[in-house]
Amino acid sequence: MASLTIENYVKTIYMECNRHECDRASTGRLADLLEVSPGTVTSMLKTLSESGLAEYTPYEGVRLTEAGQVLALRVIRRHRLIELFLVRTLDLSWDEVHHEAENMEHAVSDRLVDRIDQFLEFPDADPHGDPIPRADGTIAAADSRKLTDWAVGEQFRLVRVLDQSSDFLRYLSEQGLPLGAEGVLATRQPHAGILTVKIGDQTTTLAREAAEKLMVE
C-alpha cells in the first residue's frame, strides 16, 4: 500500500502535467506545490523511480509511469468523490470541502469509495466541476473552454473552476457565479485586462486572470 507521501506526489505530478498539458513536471514547480525544498523533491522522485511509479531525469523533470498514473487516478477519484459526498450529505460549501478531502483521501479504502460512488449515483464531476475518474481508471474528456475564449454576446454556463482556493470560491459565490451559473459575456476590455458578464439582472466585472480560471460551455 502506497504511503501518504507517495500518493501526494503522484497526484501532484499527474495534475500538474494534466493542467499544463506537459510531458514532465519540473522539480522546482513540485517543490512550490508541495511546499517542500527542491532537495526533498529530488530525493522523493528517485524513490518513485525506484518503485516503478515514475521516470525521473535530472534537469528535465519527472513523468509518471503507467503504474504511477493508475495510482494518481485512484487518489484523485477518492478526493473528488469525498468532496461531493461532503457537499451533498453534510451540506458543506464548495469552498470548505477541498481541505477536508485532502485529509480524508488517504484514510478511506477503495471499497468505501466505490460505495460512495454508488450512493451518489455515479456522478461525473465534483463540486468544482473537475471530472471524477471512474472505477476502471478512465476519465471523461472535458468539453469546455475558458471564459476568456468566449465571444462577446455568447451565452455560457459555468461548468468548472480551475482555482479551488477558498478565497476564490467565496469570491465567485459573492459575485453570483456558483457552478452551473448561466449568463452572457457582455463586454471585453483587453487593454484594461477586464471583462464583464451578466448573470440574470446582475452585471459582474472580472479580471482576465480570474476569468481564465473559469471553464464554460
N, C-alpha and C. Protein backbone atom coordinates (compact mmCIF):
# COMPACT_ATOMS: atom_id res chain seq x y z
N MET A 1 0.84 -1.19 0.00
CA MET A 1 0.00 0.00 0.00
C MET A 1 0.88 1.24 0.00
N ALA A 2 0.61 2.18 -0.89
CA ALA A 2 1.41 3.40 -1.01
C ALA A 2 1.24 4.29 0.22
N SER A 3 2.31 4.97 0.60
CA SER A 3 2.24 5.88 1.74
C SER A 3 1.53 7.17 1.36
N LEU A 4 1.15 7.93 2.36
CA LEU A 4 0.51 9.23 2.14
C LEU A 4 1.39 10.12 1.28
N THR A 5 2.69 10.14 1.56
CA THR A 5 3.61 10.99 0.82
C THR A 5 3.67 10.59 -0.65
N ILE A 6 3.77 9.29 -0.91
CA ILE A 6 3.82 8.82 -2.30
C ILE A 6 2.54 9.18 -3.03
N GLU A 7 1.39 8.99 -2.38
CA GLU A 7 0.13 9.34 -3.01
C GLU A 7 0.06 10.83 -3.33
N ASN A 8 0.53 11.65 -2.42
CA ASN A 8 0.52 13.10 -2.66
C ASN A 8 1.40 13.47 -3.85
N TYR A 9 2.55 12.83 -3.96
CA TYR A 9 3.47 13.14 -5.05
C TYR A 9 2.90 12.73 -6.40
N VAL A 10 2.40 11.51 -6.51
CA VAL A 10 1.90 11.07 -7.82
C VAL A 10 0.67 11.88 -8.23
N LYS A 11 -0.16 12.23 -7.25
CA LYS A 11 -1.33 13.06 -7.56
C LYS A 11 -0.90 14.43 -8.06
N THR A 12 0.06 15.03 -7.39
CA THR A 12 0.53 16.36 -7.77
C THR A 12 1.19 16.35 -9.14
N ILE A 13 2.00 15.33 -9.41
CA ILE A 13 2.66 15.22 -10.73
C ILE A 13 1.60 15.07 -11.82
N TYR A 14 0.63 14.20 -11.59
CA TYR A 14 -0.41 13.98 -12.59
C TYR A 14 -1.18 15.27 -12.87
N MET A 15 -1.61 15.96 -11.83
CA MET A 15 -2.42 17.16 -12.00
C MET A 15 -1.63 18.29 -12.64
N GLU A 16 -0.35 18.41 -12.31
CA GLU A 16 0.49 19.45 -12.90
C GLU A 16 0.67 19.20 -14.40
N CYS A 17 0.97 17.98 -14.77
CA CYS A 17 1.16 17.67 -16.19
C CYS A 17 -0.15 17.78 -16.95
N ASN A 18 -1.24 17.36 -16.33
CA ASN A 18 -2.55 17.41 -16.98
C ASN A 18 -3.01 18.85 -17.19
N ARG A 19 -2.81 19.68 -16.19
CA ARG A 19 -3.28 21.07 -16.29
C ARG A 19 -2.52 21.85 -17.35
N HIS A 20 -1.23 21.62 -17.44
CA HIS A 20 -0.41 22.38 -18.38
C HIS A 20 -0.10 21.61 -19.66
N GLU A 21 -0.72 20.43 -19.78
CA GLU A 21 -0.54 19.61 -20.98
C GLU A 21 0.94 19.43 -21.32
N CYS A 22 1.71 19.11 -20.28
CA CYS A 22 3.14 18.92 -20.46
C CYS A 22 3.52 17.46 -20.24
N ASP A 23 4.67 17.07 -20.74
CA ASP A 23 5.12 15.69 -20.62
C ASP A 23 5.74 15.42 -19.26
N ARG A 24 6.39 16.44 -18.71
CA ARG A 24 7.09 16.28 -17.43
C ARG A 24 6.80 17.44 -16.50
N ALA A 25 6.89 17.17 -15.20
CA ALA A 25 6.77 18.21 -14.18
C ALA A 25 8.16 18.53 -13.66
N SER A 26 8.45 19.80 -13.47
CA SER A 26 9.78 20.19 -13.00
C SER A 26 9.91 20.05 -11.49
N THR A 27 11.13 19.84 -11.06
CA THR A 27 11.40 19.71 -9.62
C THR A 27 11.02 20.98 -8.87
N GLY A 28 11.37 22.14 -9.43
CA GLY A 28 11.07 23.39 -8.78
C GLY A 28 9.59 23.63 -8.61
N ARG A 29 8.83 23.31 -9.66
CA ARG A 29 7.38 23.50 -9.58
C ARG A 29 6.76 22.58 -8.55
N LEU A 30 7.21 21.34 -8.49
CA LEU A 30 6.69 20.40 -7.48
C LEU A 30 7.03 20.86 -6.08
N ALA A 31 8.22 21.43 -5.91
CA ALA A 31 8.61 21.94 -4.60
C ALA A 31 7.66 23.05 -4.16
N ASP A 32 7.29 23.93 -5.10
CA ASP A 32 6.35 25.01 -4.78
C ASP A 32 4.98 24.46 -4.41
N LEU A 33 4.49 23.52 -5.20
CA LEU A 33 3.15 22.98 -4.98
C LEU A 33 3.05 22.20 -3.68
N LEU A 34 4.11 21.45 -3.36
CA LEU A 34 4.09 20.60 -2.17
C LEU A 34 4.66 21.30 -0.93
N GLU A 35 5.20 22.52 -1.16
CA GLU A 35 5.74 23.35 -0.07
C GLU A 35 6.85 22.63 0.68
N VAL A 36 7.78 22.08 -0.11
CA VAL A 36 8.98 21.45 0.44
C VAL A 36 10.18 21.95 -0.35
N SER A 37 11.36 21.59 0.08
CA SER A 37 12.58 22.05 -0.60
C SER A 37 12.82 21.24 -1.88
N PRO A 38 13.51 21.83 -2.87
CA PRO A 38 13.84 21.08 -4.09
C PRO A 38 14.62 19.80 -3.80
N GLY A 39 15.49 19.85 -2.78
CA GLY A 39 16.25 18.66 -2.42
C GLY A 39 15.36 17.53 -1.95
N THR A 40 14.33 17.88 -1.19
CA THR A 40 13.37 16.88 -0.71
C THR A 40 12.63 16.25 -1.89
N VAL A 41 12.26 17.10 -2.86
CA VAL A 41 11.55 16.60 -4.04
C VAL A 41 12.45 15.64 -4.82
N THR A 42 13.69 16.05 -5.04
CA THR A 42 14.62 15.22 -5.79
C THR A 42 14.77 13.84 -5.16
N SER A 43 14.92 13.82 -3.85
CA SER A 43 15.05 12.55 -3.13
C SER A 43 13.81 11.68 -3.32
N MET A 44 12.64 12.30 -3.25
CA MET A 44 11.40 11.53 -3.38
C MET A 44 11.20 11.05 -4.81
N LEU A 45 11.60 11.85 -5.79
CA LEU A 45 11.45 11.43 -7.17
C LEU A 45 12.32 10.22 -7.48
N LYS A 46 13.49 10.15 -6.85
CA LYS A 46 14.34 8.97 -7.01
C LYS A 46 13.66 7.74 -6.43
N THR A 47 12.98 7.92 -5.30
CA THR A 47 12.24 6.82 -4.68
C THR A 47 11.10 6.35 -5.59
N LEU A 48 10.40 7.31 -6.19
CA LEU A 48 9.31 6.96 -7.09
C LEU A 48 9.83 6.20 -8.31
N SER A 49 11.00 6.62 -8.80
CA SER A 49 11.60 5.93 -9.95
C SER A 49 11.98 4.51 -9.59
N GLU A 50 12.57 4.34 -8.42
CA GLU A 50 12.99 3.01 -7.98
C GLU A 50 11.80 2.08 -7.77
N SER A 51 10.65 2.67 -7.42
CA SER A 51 9.46 1.85 -7.18
C SER A 51 8.63 1.62 -8.44
N GLY A 52 9.08 2.20 -9.56
CA GLY A 52 8.39 1.99 -10.83
C GLY A 52 7.17 2.87 -11.04
N LEU A 53 7.03 3.91 -10.22
CA LEU A 53 5.87 4.79 -10.35
C LEU A 53 6.15 6.01 -11.22
N ALA A 54 7.42 6.30 -11.46
CA ALA A 54 7.76 7.50 -12.24
C ALA A 54 9.10 7.31 -12.93
N GLU A 55 9.35 8.18 -13.90
CA GLU A 55 10.64 8.23 -14.58
C GLU A 55 11.22 9.63 -14.37
N TYR A 56 12.29 9.70 -13.61
CA TYR A 56 12.89 10.98 -13.26
C TYR A 56 14.22 11.16 -13.97
N THR A 57 14.37 12.31 -14.63
CA THR A 57 15.62 12.67 -15.29
C THR A 57 16.10 14.01 -14.74
N PRO A 58 17.29 14.05 -14.11
CA PRO A 58 17.79 15.31 -13.57
C PRO A 58 17.79 16.42 -14.61
N TYR A 59 17.37 17.61 -14.20
CA TYR A 59 17.31 18.82 -15.03
C TYR A 59 16.22 18.77 -16.11
N GLU A 60 15.53 17.65 -16.23
CA GLU A 60 14.44 17.55 -17.21
C GLU A 60 13.08 17.39 -16.56
N GLY A 61 13.05 16.83 -15.36
CA GLY A 61 11.79 16.66 -14.66
C GLY A 61 11.37 15.21 -14.53
N VAL A 62 10.08 15.02 -14.22
CA VAL A 62 9.57 13.70 -13.94
C VAL A 62 8.25 13.47 -14.65
N ARG A 63 8.02 12.23 -15.06
CA ARG A 63 6.73 11.84 -15.59
C ARG A 63 6.34 10.51 -14.97
N LEU A 64 5.05 10.29 -14.86
CA LEU A 64 4.56 9.06 -14.25
C LEU A 64 4.61 7.91 -15.23
N THR A 65 4.87 6.73 -14.71
CA THR A 65 4.72 5.51 -15.50
C THR A 65 3.24 5.16 -15.52
N GLU A 66 2.91 4.09 -16.21
CA GLU A 66 1.51 3.66 -16.24
C GLU A 66 1.03 3.32 -14.84
N ALA A 67 1.89 2.66 -14.06
CA ALA A 67 1.52 2.33 -12.67
C ALA A 67 1.32 3.59 -11.84
N GLY A 68 2.16 4.60 -12.08
CA GLY A 68 2.03 5.86 -11.36
C GLY A 68 0.73 6.57 -11.70
N GLN A 69 0.35 6.53 -12.97
CA GLN A 69 -0.90 7.16 -13.39
C GLN A 69 -2.11 6.45 -12.78
N VAL A 70 -2.05 5.14 -12.71
CA VAL A 70 -3.15 4.37 -12.11
C VAL A 70 -3.33 4.78 -10.65
N LEU A 71 -2.22 4.87 -9.92
CA LEU A 71 -2.28 5.27 -8.51
C LEU A 71 -2.79 6.70 -8.37
N ALA A 72 -2.29 7.60 -9.21
CA ALA A 72 -2.71 9.00 -9.14
C ALA A 72 -4.22 9.13 -9.36
N LEU A 73 -4.75 8.42 -10.33
CA LEU A 73 -6.18 8.50 -10.62
C LEU A 73 -7.02 7.90 -9.49
N ARG A 74 -6.50 6.90 -8.82
CA ARG A 74 -7.21 6.34 -7.66
C ARG A 74 -7.32 7.38 -6.55
N VAL A 75 -6.23 8.11 -6.30
CA VAL A 75 -6.24 9.13 -5.26
C VAL A 75 -7.16 10.28 -5.64
N ILE A 76 -7.08 10.70 -6.90
CA ILE A 76 -7.94 11.79 -7.37
C ILE A 76 -9.41 11.39 -7.30
N ARG A 77 -9.70 10.14 -7.64
CA ARG A 77 -11.07 9.64 -7.55
C ARG A 77 -11.58 9.72 -6.12
N ARG A 78 -10.77 9.27 -5.18
CA ARG A 78 -11.15 9.35 -3.77
C ARG A 78 -11.44 10.79 -3.36
N HIS A 79 -10.51 11.68 -3.70
CA HIS A 79 -10.61 13.08 -3.30
C HIS A 79 -11.89 13.72 -3.82
N ARG A 80 -12.18 13.54 -5.09
CA ARG A 80 -13.31 14.24 -5.70
C ARG A 80 -14.64 13.66 -5.27
N LEU A 81 -14.69 12.34 -5.06
CA LEU A 81 -15.93 11.75 -4.55
C LEU A 81 -16.18 12.17 -3.10
N ILE A 82 -15.14 12.26 -2.31
CA ILE A 82 -15.30 12.71 -0.92
C ILE A 82 -15.81 14.15 -0.90
N GLU A 83 -15.26 15.01 -1.76
CA GLU A 83 -15.73 16.39 -1.83
C GLU A 83 -17.22 16.45 -2.12
N LEU A 84 -17.65 15.69 -3.11
CA LEU A 84 -19.07 15.72 -3.48
C LEU A 84 -19.94 15.12 -2.39
N PHE A 85 -19.46 14.08 -1.74
CA PHE A 85 -20.20 13.47 -0.63
C PHE A 85 -20.41 14.48 0.50
N LEU A 86 -19.38 15.24 0.82
CA LEU A 86 -19.48 16.23 1.89
C LEU A 86 -20.45 17.35 1.54
N VAL A 87 -20.47 17.74 0.27
CA VAL A 87 -21.39 18.79 -0.16
C VAL A 87 -22.83 18.30 -0.12
N ARG A 88 -23.07 17.10 -0.64
CA ARG A 88 -24.44 16.60 -0.77
C ARG A 88 -25.03 16.08 0.52
N THR A 89 -24.21 15.48 1.37
CA THR A 89 -24.77 14.84 2.57
C THR A 89 -24.61 15.68 3.84
N LEU A 90 -23.54 16.47 3.93
CA LEU A 90 -23.31 17.28 5.12
C LEU A 90 -23.51 18.77 4.87
N ASP A 91 -23.87 19.11 3.65
CA ASP A 91 -24.18 20.49 3.28
C ASP A 91 -23.00 21.44 3.47
N LEU A 92 -21.78 20.92 3.30
CA LEU A 92 -20.63 21.81 3.32
C LEU A 92 -20.60 22.60 2.01
N SER A 93 -20.05 23.80 2.05
CA SER A 93 -19.99 24.62 0.85
C SER A 93 -18.78 24.22 0.00
N TRP A 94 -18.79 24.62 -1.26
CA TRP A 94 -17.72 24.20 -2.18
C TRP A 94 -16.37 24.78 -1.81
N ASP A 95 -16.35 25.84 -0.98
CA ASP A 95 -15.06 26.39 -0.56
C ASP A 95 -14.54 25.75 0.72
N GLU A 96 -15.29 24.82 1.30
CA GLU A 96 -14.87 24.16 2.54
C GLU A 96 -14.32 22.75 2.32
N VAL A 97 -14.71 22.11 1.22
CA VAL A 97 -14.51 20.66 1.13
C VAL A 97 -13.11 20.23 0.70
N HIS A 98 -12.37 21.11 0.00
CA HIS A 98 -11.07 20.68 -0.52
C HIS A 98 -10.13 20.26 0.61
N HIS A 99 -10.02 21.09 1.63
CA HIS A 99 -9.10 20.79 2.74
C HIS A 99 -9.53 19.51 3.46
N GLU A 100 -10.83 19.36 3.67
CA GLU A 100 -11.32 18.16 4.36
C GLU A 100 -11.02 16.91 3.54
N ALA A 101 -11.22 17.01 2.22
CA ALA A 101 -10.96 15.85 1.36
C ALA A 101 -9.48 15.51 1.31
N GLU A 102 -8.62 16.53 1.39
CA GLU A 102 -7.18 16.29 1.43
C GLU A 102 -6.82 15.39 2.61
N ASN A 103 -7.45 15.63 3.73
CA ASN A 103 -7.16 14.84 4.93
C ASN A 103 -7.75 13.44 4.85
N MET A 104 -8.91 13.31 4.23
CA MET A 104 -9.63 12.04 4.23
C MET A 104 -9.22 11.09 3.10
N GLU A 105 -8.68 11.63 2.01
CA GLU A 105 -8.45 10.80 0.83
C GLU A 105 -7.47 9.65 1.06
N HIS A 106 -6.61 9.78 2.06
CA HIS A 106 -5.62 8.73 2.32
C HIS A 106 -6.12 7.71 3.35
N ALA A 107 -7.28 8.02 3.96
CA ALA A 107 -7.75 7.19 5.07
C ALA A 107 -8.88 6.25 4.68
N VAL A 108 -9.45 6.44 3.50
CA VAL A 108 -10.57 5.60 3.10
C VAL A 108 -10.12 4.53 2.11
N SER A 109 -10.79 3.42 2.13
CA SER A 109 -10.44 2.32 1.22
C SER A 109 -11.12 2.53 -0.13
N ASP A 110 -10.59 1.86 -1.14
CA ASP A 110 -11.21 1.93 -2.46
C ASP A 110 -12.61 1.33 -2.42
N ARG A 111 -12.81 0.32 -1.57
CA ARG A 111 -14.13 -0.30 -1.44
C ARG A 111 -15.15 0.71 -0.93
N LEU A 112 -14.76 1.50 0.07
CA LEU A 112 -15.66 2.51 0.60
C LEU A 112 -15.94 3.59 -0.44
N VAL A 113 -14.91 3.96 -1.18
CA VAL A 113 -15.07 4.98 -2.23
C VAL A 113 -16.04 4.48 -3.29
N ASP A 114 -15.96 3.20 -3.64
CA ASP A 114 -16.89 2.65 -4.61
C ASP A 114 -18.33 2.70 -4.09
N ARG A 115 -18.51 2.49 -2.79
CA ARG A 115 -19.85 2.58 -2.20
C ARG A 115 -20.35 4.02 -2.21
N ILE A 116 -19.45 4.96 -1.96
CA ILE A 116 -19.83 6.38 -2.03
C ILE A 116 -20.24 6.73 -3.46
N ASP A 117 -19.49 6.23 -4.43
CA ASP A 117 -19.80 6.46 -5.84
C ASP A 117 -21.20 5.94 -6.16
N GLN A 118 -21.50 4.75 -5.68
CA GLN A 118 -22.83 4.15 -5.91
C GLN A 118 -23.91 4.96 -5.21
N PHE A 119 -23.65 5.38 -3.98
CA PHE A 119 -24.62 6.16 -3.20
C PHE A 119 -24.95 7.48 -3.90
N LEU A 120 -23.93 8.09 -4.52
CA LEU A 120 -24.12 9.36 -5.21
C LEU A 120 -24.62 9.18 -6.64
N GLU A 121 -24.87 7.93 -7.03
CA GLU A 121 -25.40 7.58 -8.34
C GLU A 121 -24.40 7.89 -9.46
N PHE A 122 -23.16 7.54 -9.20
CA PHE A 122 -22.08 7.59 -10.20
C PHE A 122 -21.96 8.95 -10.89
N PRO A 123 -21.65 9.98 -10.12
CA PRO A 123 -21.56 11.34 -10.67
C PRO A 123 -20.36 11.49 -11.61
N ASP A 124 -20.46 12.46 -12.50
CA ASP A 124 -19.39 12.71 -13.47
C ASP A 124 -18.38 13.74 -12.97
N ALA A 125 -18.80 14.64 -12.07
CA ALA A 125 -17.92 15.74 -11.67
C ALA A 125 -18.07 16.07 -10.19
N ASP A 126 -17.04 16.66 -9.63
CA ASP A 126 -17.05 17.06 -8.22
C ASP A 126 -17.68 18.46 -8.08
N PRO A 127 -17.73 19.03 -6.87
CA PRO A 127 -18.40 20.32 -6.68
C PRO A 127 -17.76 21.50 -7.42
N HIS A 128 -16.53 21.31 -7.92
CA HIS A 128 -15.85 22.38 -8.66
C HIS A 128 -15.87 22.12 -10.16
N GLY A 129 -16.52 21.03 -10.56
CA GLY A 129 -16.61 20.71 -11.98
C GLY A 129 -15.50 19.82 -12.49
N ASP A 130 -14.56 19.43 -11.63
CA ASP A 130 -13.49 18.53 -12.07
C ASP A 130 -14.06 17.14 -12.33
N PRO A 131 -13.65 16.50 -13.42
CA PRO A 131 -14.18 15.16 -13.71
C PRO A 131 -13.71 14.13 -12.69
N ILE A 132 -14.59 13.22 -12.34
CA ILE A 132 -14.28 12.18 -11.36
C ILE A 132 -13.85 10.92 -12.12
N PRO A 133 -12.63 10.44 -11.90
CA PRO A 133 -12.20 9.19 -12.56
C PRO A 133 -13.14 8.05 -12.20
N ARG A 134 -13.42 7.21 -13.16
CA ARG A 134 -14.28 6.07 -12.92
C ARG A 134 -13.50 4.95 -12.22
N ALA A 135 -14.22 3.94 -11.76
CA ALA A 135 -13.57 2.85 -11.04
C ALA A 135 -12.57 2.10 -11.91
N ASP A 136 -12.80 2.10 -13.23
CA ASP A 136 -11.88 1.40 -14.13
C ASP A 136 -10.68 2.25 -14.53
N GLY A 137 -10.57 3.44 -13.96
CA GLY A 137 -9.42 4.30 -14.23
C GLY A 137 -9.60 5.25 -15.40
N THR A 138 -10.69 5.16 -16.12
CA THR A 138 -10.93 6.08 -17.22
C THR A 138 -11.48 7.40 -16.69
N ILE A 139 -11.34 8.44 -17.48
CA ILE A 139 -11.82 9.75 -17.07
C ILE A 139 -12.41 10.45 -18.28
N ALA A 140 -13.56 11.07 -18.10
CA ALA A 140 -14.27 11.70 -19.21
C ALA A 140 -13.47 12.89 -19.74
N ALA A 141 -13.47 13.03 -21.06
CA ALA A 141 -12.78 14.15 -21.69
C ALA A 141 -13.57 15.43 -21.45
N ALA A 142 -12.86 16.51 -21.17
CA ALA A 142 -13.51 17.81 -20.93
C ALA A 142 -13.95 18.41 -22.26
N ASP A 143 -15.12 19.03 -22.27
CA ASP A 143 -15.63 19.69 -23.47
C ASP A 143 -16.01 21.12 -23.13
N SER A 144 -15.07 21.85 -22.57
CA SER A 144 -15.33 23.22 -22.17
C SER A 144 -14.14 24.10 -22.55
N ARG A 145 -14.37 25.41 -22.50
CA ARG A 145 -13.32 26.37 -22.82
C ARG A 145 -13.25 27.44 -21.75
N LYS A 146 -12.14 28.14 -21.71
CA LYS A 146 -12.01 29.24 -20.77
C LYS A 146 -12.98 30.36 -21.15
N LEU A 147 -13.48 31.05 -20.14
CA LEU A 147 -14.39 32.16 -20.38
C LEU A 147 -13.72 33.23 -21.25
N THR A 148 -12.41 33.37 -21.12
CA THR A 148 -11.70 34.37 -21.91
C THR A 148 -11.69 34.06 -23.40
N ASP A 149 -12.02 32.82 -23.77
CA ASP A 149 -12.07 32.44 -25.18
C ASP A 149 -13.45 32.68 -25.78
N TRP A 150 -14.40 33.08 -24.94
CA TRP A 150 -15.78 33.28 -25.39
C TRP A 150 -15.91 34.60 -26.14
N ALA A 151 -16.85 34.68 -27.06
CA ALA A 151 -17.11 35.91 -27.80
C ALA A 151 -18.15 36.76 -27.08
N VAL A 152 -18.01 38.07 -27.20
CA VAL A 152 -18.99 38.98 -26.60
C VAL A 152 -20.37 38.67 -27.17
N GLY A 153 -21.35 38.57 -26.27
CA GLY A 153 -22.72 38.27 -26.68
C GLY A 153 -23.07 36.80 -26.59
N GLU A 154 -22.07 35.93 -26.42
CA GLU A 154 -22.35 34.49 -26.33
C GLU A 154 -22.83 34.11 -24.94
N GLN A 155 -23.79 33.22 -24.90
CA GLN A 155 -24.27 32.70 -23.63
C GLN A 155 -23.34 31.59 -23.15
N PHE A 156 -23.26 31.41 -21.85
CA PHE A 156 -22.39 30.38 -21.29
C PHE A 156 -22.99 29.80 -20.02
N ARG A 157 -22.47 28.65 -19.66
CA ARG A 157 -22.79 28.02 -18.37
C ARG A 157 -21.47 27.64 -17.72
N LEU A 158 -21.28 28.04 -16.47
CA LEU A 158 -20.05 27.73 -15.75
C LEU A 158 -20.04 26.27 -15.34
N VAL A 159 -19.05 25.52 -15.84
CA VAL A 159 -19.04 24.08 -15.58
C VAL A 159 -17.81 23.60 -14.80
N ARG A 160 -16.80 24.47 -14.65
CA ARG A 160 -15.61 24.04 -13.93
C ARG A 160 -14.82 25.26 -13.47
N VAL A 161 -14.25 25.16 -12.29
CA VAL A 161 -13.40 26.24 -11.74
C VAL A 161 -12.02 25.65 -11.48
N LEU A 162 -11.00 26.24 -12.11
CA LEU A 162 -9.65 25.69 -12.01
C LEU A 162 -8.96 26.09 -10.71
N ASP A 163 -9.24 27.29 -10.21
CA ASP A 163 -8.66 27.74 -8.95
C ASP A 163 -9.64 27.38 -7.83
N GLN A 164 -9.24 26.45 -6.98
CA GLN A 164 -10.15 25.98 -5.94
C GLN A 164 -9.75 26.43 -4.54
N SER A 165 -9.02 27.55 -4.49
CA SER A 165 -8.70 28.13 -3.19
C SER A 165 -9.98 28.65 -2.56
N SER A 166 -10.07 28.59 -1.24
CA SER A 166 -11.29 29.01 -0.55
C SER A 166 -11.65 30.45 -0.86
N ASP A 167 -10.65 31.33 -0.88
CA ASP A 167 -10.91 32.75 -1.13
C ASP A 167 -11.53 32.97 -2.50
N PHE A 168 -10.99 32.29 -3.52
CA PHE A 168 -11.51 32.49 -4.88
C PHE A 168 -12.92 31.94 -5.01
N LEU A 169 -13.18 30.79 -4.41
CA LEU A 169 -14.52 30.19 -4.50
C LEU A 169 -15.55 31.05 -3.77
N ARG A 170 -15.16 31.61 -2.62
CA ARG A 170 -16.08 32.52 -1.91
C ARG A 170 -16.35 33.77 -2.75
N TYR A 171 -15.30 34.27 -3.42
CA TYR A 171 -15.46 35.43 -4.28
C TYR A 171 -16.46 35.15 -5.39
N LEU A 172 -16.36 33.98 -6.01
CA LEU A 172 -17.30 33.63 -7.08
C LEU A 172 -18.73 33.55 -6.54
N SER A 173 -18.89 32.98 -5.37
CA SER A 173 -20.23 32.89 -4.78
C SER A 173 -20.80 34.27 -4.54
N GLU A 174 -19.97 35.17 -4.03
CA GLU A 174 -20.42 36.55 -3.78
C GLU A 174 -20.79 37.27 -5.06
N GLN A 175 -20.15 36.90 -6.17
CA GLN A 175 -20.42 37.54 -7.45
C GLN A 175 -21.54 36.87 -8.23
N GLY A 176 -22.20 35.92 -7.61
CA GLY A 176 -23.30 35.23 -8.28
C GLY A 176 -22.84 34.26 -9.34
N LEU A 177 -21.66 33.66 -9.11
CA LEU A 177 -21.09 32.73 -10.08
C LEU A 177 -20.80 31.36 -9.46
N PRO A 178 -21.82 30.69 -8.95
CA PRO A 178 -21.62 29.31 -8.49
C PRO A 178 -21.54 28.40 -9.70
N LEU A 179 -21.13 27.16 -9.46
CA LEU A 179 -21.10 26.20 -10.56
C LEU A 179 -22.51 26.05 -11.13
N GLY A 180 -22.62 26.05 -12.45
CA GLY A 180 -23.92 25.93 -13.10
C GLY A 180 -24.54 27.27 -13.45
N ALA A 181 -23.92 28.37 -13.00
CA ALA A 181 -24.46 29.70 -13.31
C ALA A 181 -24.48 29.92 -14.81
N GLU A 182 -25.57 30.49 -15.31
CA GLU A 182 -25.72 30.77 -16.73
C GLU A 182 -25.77 32.27 -16.96
N GLY A 183 -25.08 32.73 -18.00
CA GLY A 183 -25.06 34.15 -18.28
C GLY A 183 -24.58 34.45 -19.68
N VAL A 184 -24.21 35.70 -19.89
CA VAL A 184 -23.75 36.19 -21.18
C VAL A 184 -22.47 36.99 -20.97
N LEU A 185 -21.49 36.79 -21.85
CA LEU A 185 -20.31 37.64 -21.83
C LEU A 185 -20.71 38.98 -22.43
N ALA A 186 -20.78 40.01 -21.58
CA ALA A 186 -21.35 41.29 -22.00
C ALA A 186 -20.34 42.18 -22.72
N THR A 187 -19.16 42.34 -22.12
CA THR A 187 -18.15 43.21 -22.73
C THR A 187 -16.77 42.63 -22.49
N ARG A 188 -15.84 43.06 -23.32
CA ARG A 188 -14.44 42.67 -23.16
C ARG A 188 -13.60 43.92 -23.35
N GLN A 189 -12.70 44.20 -22.39
CA GLN A 189 -11.82 45.36 -22.46
C GLN A 189 -10.38 44.89 -22.32
N PRO A 190 -9.79 44.40 -23.40
CA PRO A 190 -8.46 43.79 -23.34
C PRO A 190 -7.37 44.73 -22.84
N HIS A 191 -7.44 46.01 -23.17
CA HIS A 191 -6.39 46.93 -22.72
C HIS A 191 -6.44 47.15 -21.21
N ALA A 192 -7.63 47.04 -20.65
CA ALA A 192 -7.78 47.19 -19.20
C ALA A 192 -7.62 45.85 -18.49
N GLY A 193 -7.62 44.77 -19.26
CA GLY A 193 -7.47 43.44 -18.67
C GLY A 193 -8.69 42.98 -17.91
N ILE A 194 -9.89 43.42 -18.35
CA ILE A 194 -11.12 43.04 -17.66
C ILE A 194 -12.19 42.65 -18.67
N LEU A 195 -13.20 41.95 -18.19
CA LEU A 195 -14.40 41.66 -18.97
C LEU A 195 -15.59 41.66 -18.02
N THR A 196 -16.77 41.81 -18.58
CA THR A 196 -17.97 41.81 -17.74
C THR A 196 -18.90 40.71 -18.21
N VAL A 197 -19.58 40.11 -17.25
CA VAL A 197 -20.58 39.09 -17.54
C VAL A 197 -21.89 39.50 -16.91
N LYS A 198 -22.97 39.08 -17.52
CA LYS A 198 -24.30 39.37 -16.99
C LYS A 198 -24.97 38.07 -16.60
N ILE A 199 -25.28 37.94 -15.32
CA ILE A 199 -25.96 36.77 -14.77
C ILE A 199 -27.32 37.24 -14.29
N GLY A 200 -28.36 36.93 -15.04
CA GLY A 200 -29.68 37.46 -14.69
C GLY A 200 -29.67 38.97 -14.79
N ASP A 201 -30.04 39.64 -13.69
CA ASP A 201 -30.04 41.10 -13.66
C ASP A 201 -28.73 41.67 -13.13
N GLN A 202 -27.79 40.80 -12.76
CA GLN A 202 -26.55 41.25 -12.16
C GLN A 202 -25.41 41.27 -13.17
N THR A 203 -24.68 42.39 -13.21
CA THR A 203 -23.51 42.51 -14.07
C THR A 203 -22.26 42.49 -13.20
N THR A 204 -21.31 41.64 -13.55
CA THR A 204 -20.09 41.47 -12.75
C THR A 204 -18.86 41.70 -13.61
N THR A 205 -17.92 42.45 -13.07
CA THR A 205 -16.65 42.69 -13.74
C THR A 205 -15.60 41.74 -13.21
N LEU A 206 -14.90 41.08 -14.14
CA LEU A 206 -13.87 40.12 -13.76
C LEU A 206 -12.53 40.50 -14.37
N ALA A 207 -11.47 40.33 -13.60
CA ALA A 207 -10.13 40.49 -14.16
C ALA A 207 -9.87 39.32 -15.10
N ARG A 208 -9.09 39.56 -16.13
CA ARG A 208 -8.79 38.49 -17.09
C ARG A 208 -8.18 37.29 -16.37
N GLU A 209 -7.33 37.54 -15.38
CA GLU A 209 -6.68 36.45 -14.65
C GLU A 209 -7.72 35.56 -13.98
N ALA A 210 -8.78 36.17 -13.44
CA ALA A 210 -9.83 35.39 -12.80
C ALA A 210 -10.66 34.64 -13.84
N ALA A 211 -10.97 35.32 -14.95
CA ALA A 211 -11.80 34.71 -15.99
C ALA A 211 -11.14 33.50 -16.63
N GLU A 212 -9.81 33.50 -16.67
CA GLU A 212 -9.08 32.38 -17.25
C GLU A 212 -9.22 31.11 -16.41
N LYS A 213 -9.67 31.26 -15.18
CA LYS A 213 -9.83 30.11 -14.30
C LYS A 213 -11.24 29.53 -14.35
N LEU A 214 -12.09 30.13 -15.19
CA LEU A 214 -13.46 29.68 -15.30
C LEU A 214 -13.67 28.96 -16.62
N MET A 215 -14.09 27.70 -16.56
CA MET A 215 -14.34 26.90 -17.74
C MET A 215 -15.84 26.87 -18.00
N VAL A 216 -16.22 27.18 -19.24
CA VAL A 216 -17.63 27.31 -19.56
C VAL A 216 -17.98 26.51 -20.81
N GLU A 217 -19.28 26.33 -20.98
CA GLU A 217 -19.78 25.71 -22.20
C GLU A 217 -21.10 26.34 -22.55
